[in-house]
């Protein structure tokens, strides 16, 4: 069973429409929790789940080497804009509408009710 953070990542990834992408950092920012590495760790555990993993990419528009070839098939099928094997983020990054943001806010709020405390730069717990 996925942890609450992983589940929130999967829910958010599942909301990305075909033909669009978000970065690991985008997802962390939208959740208001964690960072790109935490999102990447969650995505690495998504095998066997119905999660469109190819729509969640690194900040440079790529994926880990072992996934690139498999992802390219999906990117081509969904007509996600690419250049030299990378996603063109400026053209492909998902821009949610009001309904999309309402969903994202609900996922973040659900997570906030279960997320562990995090620290700020001074080390004080939030």
Protein backbone atom coordinates (compact mmCIF):
# COMPACT_ATOMS: atom_id res chain seq x y z
CA UNK A 1 0.00 0.00 0.00
CA UNK A 2 1.47 3.38 -0.96
CA UNK A 3 2.37 5.95 1.66
CA UNK A 4 0.25 9.14 1.73
CA UNK A 5 2.95 11.15 -0.07
CA UNK A 6 3.35 8.51 -2.78
CA UNK A 7 -0.41 8.31 -3.20
CA UNK A 8 -0.63 12.10 -3.60
CA UNK A 9 2.13 12.00 -6.23
CA UNK A 10 0.32 9.24 -8.12
CA UNK A 11 -3.00 11.12 -7.98
CA UNK A 12 -1.36 14.27 -9.29
CA UNK A 13 0.54 12.41 -12.03
CA UNK A 14 -2.71 10.75 -13.05
CA UNK A 15 -4.32 14.17 -13.54
CA UNK A 16 -1.75 15.26 -16.15
CA UNK A 17 -3.57 15.15 -19.49
CA UNK A 18 -2.20 13.18 -22.43
CA UNK A 19 0.26 15.28 -24.41
CA UNK A 20 1.40 17.23 -21.34
CA UNK A 21 4.07 16.80 -18.68
CA UNK A 22 5.15 18.13 -15.30
CA UNK A 23 8.56 17.94 -13.71
CA UNK A 24 9.33 16.22 -10.43
CA UNK A 25 9.82 19.70 -8.96
CA UNK A 26 6.49 20.94 -10.36
CA UNK A 27 4.69 18.12 -8.58
CA UNK A 28 6.45 18.81 -5.28
CA UNK A 29 5.59 22.49 -5.56
CA UNK A 30 1.95 21.78 -6.38
CA UNK A 31 1.72 19.40 -3.41
CA UNK A 32 3.37 21.97 -1.17
CA UNK A 33 5.52 19.19 0.26
CA UNK A 34 8.74 17.35 -0.47
CA UNK A 35 11.01 18.07 -3.37
CA UNK A 36 12.03 16.62 -6.72
CA UNK A 37 13.92 13.74 -5.11
CA UNK A 38 10.91 12.69 -3.03
CA UNK A 39 8.69 12.80 -6.09
CA UNK A 40 11.28 10.78 -8.04
CA UNK A 41 11.43 8.21 -5.25
CA UNK A 42 7.64 7.89 -5.27
CA UNK A 43 7.57 7.57 -9.06
CA UNK A 44 10.23 4.85 -8.91
CA UNK A 45 7.77 2.81 -6.82
CA UNK A 46 4.88 3.28 -9.27
CA UNK A 47 5.60 0.10 -11.24
CA UNK A 48 2.46 -1.99 -11.58
CA UNK A 49 0.18 0.97 -10.84
CA UNK A 50 -1.90 2.78 -13.39
CA UNK A 51 0.30 5.89 -13.30
CA UNK A 52 1.35 7.72 -16.49
CA UNK A 53 5.01 7.83 -15.40
CA UNK A 54 6.20 9.15 -18.78
CA UNK A 55 4.39 12.45 -18.07
CA UNK A 56 6.59 13.20 -15.05
CA UNK A 57 10.11 14.19 -16.09
CA UNK A 58 13.28 15.76 -14.81
CA UNK A 59 13.76 19.52 -14.99
CA UNK A 60 15.84 19.03 -18.15
CA UNK A 61 12.98 17.21 -19.92
CA UNK A 62 14.46 13.72 -19.61
CA UNK A 63 13.96 10.59 -17.56
CA UNK A 64 16.48 8.15 -16.08
CA UNK A 65 18.36 6.26 -18.80
CA UNK A 66 16.49 3.00 -18.28
CA UNK A 67 13.15 4.67 -19.02
CA UNK A 68 13.90 6.96 -21.95
CA UNK A 69 13.33 4.45 -24.76
CA UNK A 70 10.06 3.20 -23.26
CA UNK A 71 8.92 6.77 -22.65
CA UNK A 72 9.66 7.88 -26.21
CA UNK A 73 6.95 5.52 -27.45
CA UNK A 74 4.38 7.23 -25.20
CA UNK A 75 5.71 10.72 -25.97
CA UNK A 76 5.39 10.05 -29.71
CA UNK A 77 1.92 8.52 -29.35
CA UNK A 78 0.71 11.49 -27.29
CA UNK A 79 2.50 13.98 -29.56
CA UNK A 80 4.44 15.45 -26.64
CA UNK A 81 6.88 17.93 -28.20
CA UNK A 82 10.48 16.71 -28.14
CA UNK A 83 13.81 17.93 -29.37
CA UNK A 84 16.90 15.70 -29.41
CA UNK A 85 15.35 13.15 -27.05
CA UNK A 86 14.14 15.68 -24.48
CA UNK A 87 10.72 17.07 -23.78
CA UNK A 88 10.33 20.71 -24.79
CA UNK A 89 9.02 21.83 -21.42
CA UNK A 90 8.01 25.30 -22.57
CA UNK A 91 5.56 23.69 -25.01
CA UNK A 92 4.56 20.58 -23.07
CA UNK A 93 4.26 21.69 -19.41
CA UNK A 94 0.69 21.27 -18.19
CA UNK A 95 -1.09 24.51 -17.35
CA UNK A 96 -4.14 23.48 -15.30
CA UNK A 97 -7.41 25.31 -15.71
CA UNK A 98 -9.57 26.27 -12.71
CA UNK A 99 -10.98 22.74 -12.39
CA UNK A 100 -7.46 21.29 -12.59
CA UNK A 101 -6.23 23.62 -9.87
CA UNK A 102 -9.23 22.74 -7.69
CA UNK A 103 -8.28 19.06 -7.99
CA UNK A 104 -4.60 19.78 -7.29
CA UNK A 105 -5.53 21.88 -4.26
CA UNK A 106 -7.69 19.04 -2.94
CA UNK A 107 -4.83 16.54 -3.31
CA UNK A 108 -2.43 18.94 -1.54
CA UNK A 109 -4.97 19.54 1.25
CA UNK A 110 -5.45 15.79 1.72
CA UNK A 111 -1.69 15.39 1.97
CA UNK A 112 -1.32 18.32 4.38
CA UNK A 113 -3.62 16.51 6.78
CA UNK A 114 -1.26 13.50 6.80
CA UNK A 115 2.17 14.91 5.93
CA UNK A 116 4.96 14.87 8.50
CA UNK A 117 6.28 18.21 9.67
CA UNK A 118 9.09 19.69 7.61
CA UNK A 119 11.78 22.12 8.64
CA UNK A 120 12.54 25.53 7.28
CA UNK A 121 16.04 26.87 6.56
CA UNK A 122 16.71 27.62 10.22
CA UNK A 123 15.85 24.07 11.25
CA UNK A 124 12.68 25.03 13.11
CA UNK A 125 9.79 22.67 12.62
CA UNK A 126 6.86 24.07 10.66
